[in-house]
C-alpha cells in the first residue's frame, strides 16, 4: 500500500474531516455563527450574512435537512419564516468559540 493510500485510509472515518465536509462551507458556518444570537427571520439572516437570497435559501435548506437549523412559520399577515439552531447546531457553538479564540491569536488583518 502506498503512503498516500495509507493516509487516505487512516483519515477516512476521521470525525474532524467528516464534520468539516458537513458544515465546512463558508455559508453554512456563517449561518450557524449568526444564529448563535437566536431566532432570526430570513431577511435578518440575509443582511447579517451578506449572502444573496438564492444562496441563503439553499444553505438553510441544507442545514435544516442535516438538523442543525429549524424553520418556524408564523402564519400571520404577512407570513413570517424564522430560523434557529437546533440542539445539534447549538452544540457546535463551543467549537466556534475555540475557532474564534484561535483566529484572534493567529489571524491578523495583514493575512
N, C-alpha and C. Protein backbone atom coordinates (compact mmCIF):
# COMPACT_ATOMS: atom_id res chain seq x y z
N UNK A 1 0.86 -1.18 0.00
CA UNK A 1 0.00 0.00 0.00
C UNK A 1 0.90 1.23 0.00
N UNK A 2 0.60 2.20 -0.87
CA UNK A 2 1.39 3.42 -0.94
C UNK A 2 1.12 4.27 0.29
N UNK A 3 2.04 5.20 0.55
CA UNK A 3 1.86 6.07 1.71
C UNK A 3 0.63 6.96 1.54
N UNK A 4 0.32 7.37 0.30
CA UNK A 4 -0.89 8.17 0.06
C UNK A 4 -2.15 7.37 0.39
N UNK A 5 -2.18 6.12 -0.02
CA UNK A 5 -3.33 5.27 0.24
C UNK A 5 -3.46 4.99 1.73
N UNK A 6 -2.33 4.82 2.41
CA UNK A 6 -2.35 4.57 3.85
C UNK A 6 -2.91 5.78 4.60
N UNK A 7 -2.50 6.98 4.20
CA UNK A 7 -3.03 8.20 4.83
C UNK A 7 -4.51 8.35 4.56
N UNK A 8 -4.92 8.06 3.32
CA UNK A 8 -6.33 8.18 2.97
C UNK A 8 -7.17 7.23 3.83
N UNK A 9 -6.71 6.01 3.99
CA UNK A 9 -7.41 5.03 4.82
C UNK A 9 -7.42 5.47 6.27
N UNK A 10 -6.33 6.00 6.77
CA UNK A 10 -6.22 6.43 8.16
C UNK A 10 -7.25 7.51 8.50
N UNK A 11 -7.46 8.45 7.59
CA UNK A 11 -8.35 9.59 7.87
C UNK A 11 -9.75 9.43 7.29
N UNK A 12 -10.03 8.28 6.70
CA UNK A 12 -11.30 8.05 6.05
C UNK A 12 -12.51 8.29 6.96
N UNK A 13 -12.47 7.80 8.18
CA UNK A 13 -13.60 7.96 9.10
C UNK A 13 -13.36 9.00 10.17
N UNK A 14 -12.36 9.85 9.99
CA UNK A 14 -11.98 10.84 10.99
C UNK A 14 -13.13 11.82 11.25
N UNK A 15 -13.54 11.99 12.51
CA UNK A 15 -14.63 12.91 12.83
C UNK A 15 -14.35 14.36 12.42
N UNK A 16 -13.11 14.80 12.49
CA UNK A 16 -12.78 16.17 12.09
C UNK A 16 -13.05 16.35 10.59
N UNK A 17 -12.57 15.43 9.80
CA UNK A 17 -12.75 15.51 8.35
C UNK A 17 -14.23 15.42 8.00
N UNK A 18 -14.94 14.48 8.61
CA UNK A 18 -16.37 14.31 8.32
C UNK A 18 -17.17 15.55 8.72
N UNK A 19 -16.83 16.15 9.85
CA UNK A 19 -17.52 17.36 10.30
C UNK A 19 -17.28 18.51 9.34
N UNK A 20 -16.02 18.70 8.95
CA UNK A 20 -15.72 19.79 8.01
C UNK A 20 -16.40 19.58 6.66
N UNK A 21 -16.52 18.34 6.23
CA UNK A 21 -17.24 18.07 4.98
C UNK A 21 -18.72 18.43 5.12
N UNK A 22 -19.28 18.24 6.31
CA UNK A 22 -20.71 18.50 6.51
C UNK A 22 -21.03 19.97 6.74
N UNK A 23 -20.21 20.67 7.50
CA UNK A 23 -20.52 22.08 7.83
C UNK A 23 -19.48 23.06 7.34
N UNK A 24 -18.47 22.58 6.63
CA UNK A 24 -17.30 23.38 6.33
C UNK A 24 -17.41 24.44 5.26
N UNK A 25 -18.57 24.63 4.66
CA UNK A 25 -18.65 25.70 3.66
C UNK A 25 -18.73 27.05 4.35
N UNK A 26 -18.27 28.05 3.66
CA UNK A 26 -18.30 29.42 4.21
C UNK A 26 -19.70 29.79 4.66
N UNK A 27 -20.70 29.53 3.83
CA UNK A 27 -22.05 29.99 4.13
C UNK A 27 -22.69 29.19 5.24
N UNK A 28 -22.45 27.88 5.28
CA UNK A 28 -23.02 27.08 6.37
C UNK A 28 -22.47 27.55 7.72
N UNK A 29 -21.17 27.73 7.77
CA UNK A 29 -20.56 28.16 9.03
C UNK A 29 -21.01 29.57 9.41
N UNK A 30 -21.16 30.43 8.42
CA UNK A 30 -21.61 31.80 8.69
C UNK A 30 -23.02 31.80 9.26
N UNK A 31 -23.91 31.04 8.66
CA UNK A 31 -25.30 30.99 9.15
C UNK A 31 -25.35 30.44 10.57
N UNK A 32 -24.63 29.36 10.84
CA UNK A 32 -24.61 28.80 12.20
C UNK A 32 -24.08 29.84 13.18
N UNK A 33 -23.01 30.52 12.80
CA UNK A 33 -22.42 31.53 13.68
C UNK A 33 -23.40 32.67 13.96
N UNK A 34 -24.08 33.16 12.94
CA UNK A 34 -25.03 34.27 13.12
C UNK A 34 -26.22 33.84 13.96
N UNK A 35 -26.68 32.60 13.78
CA UNK A 35 -27.84 32.13 14.54
C UNK A 35 -27.55 31.90 16.02
N UNK A 36 -26.30 32.05 16.43
CA UNK A 36 -26.00 31.96 17.85
C UNK A 36 -26.69 33.08 18.61
N UNK A 37 -27.06 34.16 17.91
CA UNK A 37 -27.77 35.29 18.53
C UNK A 37 -29.22 34.95 18.85
N UNK A 38 -29.74 33.88 18.26
CA UNK A 38 -31.12 33.49 18.50
C UNK A 38 -31.89 33.42 17.20
N UNK A 39 -33.19 33.25 17.33
CA UNK A 39 -34.07 33.10 16.18
C UNK A 39 -34.08 34.36 15.32
N UNK A 40 -33.95 34.17 14.00
CA UNK A 40 -33.94 35.29 13.07
C UNK A 40 -34.81 34.99 11.86
N UNK A 41 -35.38 36.05 11.29
CA UNK A 41 -36.14 35.91 10.06
C UNK A 41 -35.18 35.82 8.88
N UNK A 42 -35.69 35.35 7.75
CA UNK A 42 -34.87 35.16 6.56
C UNK A 42 -34.13 36.44 6.19
N UNK A 43 -34.85 37.56 6.10
CA UNK A 43 -34.21 38.81 5.69
C UNK A 43 -33.19 39.31 6.71
N UNK A 44 -33.41 39.03 7.99
CA UNK A 44 -32.42 39.39 9.01
C UNK A 44 -31.15 38.57 8.80
N UNK A 45 -31.31 37.30 8.50
CA UNK A 45 -30.16 36.44 8.20
C UNK A 45 -29.44 36.90 6.94
N UNK A 46 -30.22 37.29 5.96
CA UNK A 46 -29.63 37.75 4.70
C UNK A 46 -28.76 38.98 4.94
N UNK A 47 -29.27 39.94 5.69
CA UNK A 47 -28.49 41.15 6.00
C UNK A 47 -27.25 40.82 6.83
N UNK A 48 -27.43 39.96 7.84
CA UNK A 48 -26.32 39.64 8.75
C UNK A 48 -25.21 38.85 8.07
N UNK A 49 -25.57 37.99 7.12
CA UNK A 49 -24.56 37.14 6.48
C UNK A 49 -23.98 37.75 5.21
N UNK A 50 -24.76 38.60 4.55
CA UNK A 50 -24.31 39.15 3.27
C UNK A 50 -24.54 38.19 2.10
N UNK A 51 -25.23 37.07 2.35
CA UNK A 51 -25.50 36.10 1.29
C UNK A 51 -26.66 36.59 0.43
N UNK A 52 -26.65 36.20 -0.84
CA UNK A 52 -27.80 36.53 -1.67
C UNK A 52 -28.94 35.56 -1.34
N UNK A 53 -30.14 35.87 -1.76
CA UNK A 53 -31.33 35.09 -1.40
C UNK A 53 -31.23 33.63 -1.82
N UNK A 54 -30.75 33.40 -3.04
CA UNK A 54 -30.66 32.03 -3.55
C UNK A 54 -29.67 31.20 -2.72
N UNK A 55 -28.51 31.77 -2.44
CA UNK A 55 -27.50 31.05 -1.65
C UNK A 55 -28.01 30.78 -0.25
N UNK A 56 -28.58 31.80 0.38
CA UNK A 56 -29.07 31.64 1.75
C UNK A 56 -30.18 30.60 1.82
N UNK A 57 -31.08 30.62 0.87
CA UNK A 57 -32.17 29.64 0.84
C UNK A 57 -31.62 28.22 0.72
N UNK A 58 -30.65 28.03 -0.17
CA UNK A 58 -30.04 26.71 -0.35
C UNK A 58 -29.34 26.25 0.91
N UNK A 59 -28.57 27.14 1.54
CA UNK A 59 -27.82 26.80 2.75
C UNK A 59 -28.78 26.47 3.90
N UNK A 60 -29.82 27.26 4.05
CA UNK A 60 -30.80 26.99 5.11
C UNK A 60 -31.48 25.64 4.89
N UNK A 61 -31.80 25.32 3.66
CA UNK A 61 -32.40 24.01 3.35
C UNK A 61 -31.44 22.88 3.72
N UNK A 62 -30.17 23.04 3.38
CA UNK A 62 -29.16 22.02 3.70
C UNK A 62 -29.01 21.86 5.21
N UNK A 63 -28.93 22.98 5.92
CA UNK A 63 -28.76 22.92 7.37
C UNK A 63 -30.00 22.37 8.06
N UNK A 64 -31.16 22.65 7.52
CA UNK A 64 -32.39 22.10 8.08
C UNK A 64 -32.45 20.59 7.83
N UNK A 65 -32.07 20.18 6.62
CA UNK A 65 -32.06 18.75 6.29
C UNK A 65 -31.10 17.97 7.19
N UNK A 66 -29.97 18.57 7.53
CA UNK A 66 -28.97 17.92 8.39
C UNK A 66 -29.25 18.15 9.87
N UNK A 67 -30.34 18.84 10.17
CA UNK A 67 -30.84 19.06 11.54
C UNK A 67 -29.96 19.96 12.40
N UNK A 68 -29.31 20.95 11.77
CA UNK A 68 -28.57 21.96 12.52
C UNK A 68 -29.45 23.19 12.77
N UNK A 69 -30.44 23.38 11.89
CA UNK A 69 -31.31 24.55 11.93
C UNK A 69 -32.75 24.08 11.85
N UNK A 70 -33.62 24.79 12.57
CA UNK A 70 -35.04 24.51 12.41
C UNK A 70 -35.75 25.74 11.89
N UNK A 71 -36.80 25.49 11.17
CA UNK A 71 -37.58 26.54 10.50
C UNK A 71 -38.95 26.59 11.16
N UNK A 72 -39.41 27.81 11.44
CA UNK A 72 -40.73 28.02 12.04
C UNK A 72 -41.47 29.04 11.20
N UNK A 73 -42.70 28.71 10.83
CA UNK A 73 -43.52 29.59 10.01
C UNK A 73 -44.61 30.19 10.90
N UNK A 74 -44.67 31.51 10.91
CA UNK A 74 -45.73 32.24 11.60
C UNK A 74 -46.75 32.64 10.53
N UNK A 75 -47.91 32.04 10.58
CA UNK A 75 -48.92 32.20 9.53
C UNK A 75 -49.66 33.52 9.58
N UNK A 76 -49.22 34.47 10.39
CA UNK A 76 -49.90 35.77 10.45
C UNK A 76 -49.84 36.49 9.12
N UNK A 77 -50.27 37.71 9.15
CA UNK A 77 -50.24 38.51 7.92
C UNK A 77 -49.25 39.66 8.11
N UNK A 78 -48.16 39.71 7.41
CA UNK A 78 -47.70 38.75 6.41
C UNK A 78 -47.08 37.51 7.07
N UNK A 79 -46.97 36.45 6.28
CA UNK A 79 -46.35 35.21 6.76
C UNK A 79 -44.88 35.51 7.06
N UNK A 80 -44.42 35.03 8.19
CA UNK A 80 -43.02 35.22 8.58
C UNK A 80 -42.37 33.86 8.80
N UNK A 81 -41.15 33.71 8.31
CA UNK A 81 -40.40 32.47 8.48
C UNK A 81 -39.19 32.77 9.35
N UNK A 82 -39.05 32.00 10.41
CA UNK A 82 -37.97 32.18 11.37
C UNK A 82 -37.06 30.96 11.36
N UNK A 83 -35.78 31.20 11.64
CA UNK A 83 -34.80 30.13 11.70
C UNK A 83 -34.06 30.21 13.03
N UNK A 84 -33.77 29.05 13.59
CA UNK A 84 -32.99 28.99 14.83
C UNK A 84 -32.18 27.71 14.84
N UNK A 85 -31.21 27.65 15.73
CA UNK A 85 -30.38 26.46 15.85
C UNK A 85 -31.13 25.37 16.61
N UNK A 86 -30.92 24.15 16.21
CA UNK A 86 -31.41 23.00 16.97
C UNK A 86 -30.38 22.72 18.07
N UNK A 87 -30.66 21.75 18.89
CA UNK A 87 -29.69 21.33 19.91
C UNK A 87 -28.38 20.91 19.24
N UNK A 88 -28.48 20.20 18.14
CA UNK A 88 -27.29 19.77 17.39
C UNK A 88 -26.48 20.98 16.95
N UNK A 89 -27.15 22.00 16.43
CA UNK A 89 -26.47 23.22 16.00
C UNK A 89 -25.86 23.98 17.16
N UNK A 90 -26.59 24.07 18.27
CA UNK A 90 -26.09 24.78 19.45
C UNK A 90 -24.84 24.12 20.02
N UNK A 91 -24.76 22.80 19.92
CA UNK A 91 -23.59 22.10 20.44
C UNK A 91 -22.33 22.39 19.65
N UNK A 92 -22.46 22.93 18.45
CA UNK A 92 -21.29 23.33 17.66
C UNK A 92 -20.68 24.64 18.15
N UNK A 93 -21.45 25.42 18.89
CA UNK A 93 -21.00 26.77 19.26
C UNK A 93 -19.73 26.78 20.09
N UNK A 94 -19.51 25.76 20.91
CA UNK A 94 -18.26 25.74 21.67
C UNK A 94 -17.06 25.57 20.73
N UNK A 95 -17.24 24.82 19.65
CA UNK A 95 -16.16 24.69 18.65
C UNK A 95 -15.95 26.03 17.95
N UNK A 96 -17.02 26.76 17.69
CA UNK A 96 -16.90 28.09 17.07
C UNK A 96 -16.17 29.04 18.02
N UNK A 97 -16.43 28.93 19.32
CA UNK A 97 -15.72 29.75 20.30
C UNK A 97 -14.22 29.48 20.25
N UNK A 98 -13.86 28.22 20.13
CA UNK A 98 -12.44 27.84 20.04
C UNK A 98 -11.82 28.39 18.75
N UNK A 99 -12.53 28.30 17.66
CA UNK A 99 -12.04 28.84 16.38
C UNK A 99 -11.88 30.35 16.50
N UNK A 100 -12.82 31.01 17.15
CA UNK A 100 -12.75 32.46 17.35
C UNK A 100 -11.48 32.83 18.13
N UNK A 101 -11.25 32.13 19.22
CA UNK A 101 -10.05 32.42 20.03
C UNK A 101 -8.78 32.17 19.24
N UNK A 102 -8.74 31.09 18.48
CA UNK A 102 -7.57 30.81 17.66
C UNK A 102 -7.38 31.92 16.62
N UNK A 103 -8.47 32.33 15.98
CA UNK A 103 -8.40 33.40 14.98
C UNK A 103 -7.92 34.72 15.57
N UNK A 104 -8.38 35.04 16.78
CA UNK A 104 -7.93 36.26 17.45
C UNK A 104 -6.42 36.23 17.67
N UNK A 105 -5.90 35.06 17.96
CA UNK A 105 -4.46 34.92 18.23
C UNK A 105 -3.62 34.88 16.95
N UNK A 106 -4.10 34.19 15.93
CA UNK A 106 -3.25 33.89 14.79
C UNK A 106 -3.61 34.58 13.48
N UNK A 107 -4.83 35.04 13.32
CA UNK A 107 -5.23 35.67 12.06
C UNK A 107 -5.23 37.18 12.28
N UNK A 108 -4.46 37.86 11.47
CA UNK A 108 -4.39 39.32 11.57
C UNK A 108 -4.95 39.94 10.29
N UNK A 109 -5.13 41.23 10.31
CA UNK A 109 -5.60 41.94 9.12
C UNK A 109 -4.60 41.88 7.99
N UNK A 110 -3.35 41.59 8.31
CA UNK A 110 -2.30 41.53 7.29
C UNK A 110 -2.34 40.23 6.51
N UNK A 111 -3.04 39.19 7.02
CA UNK A 111 -3.09 37.88 6.34
C UNK A 111 -4.08 37.88 5.23
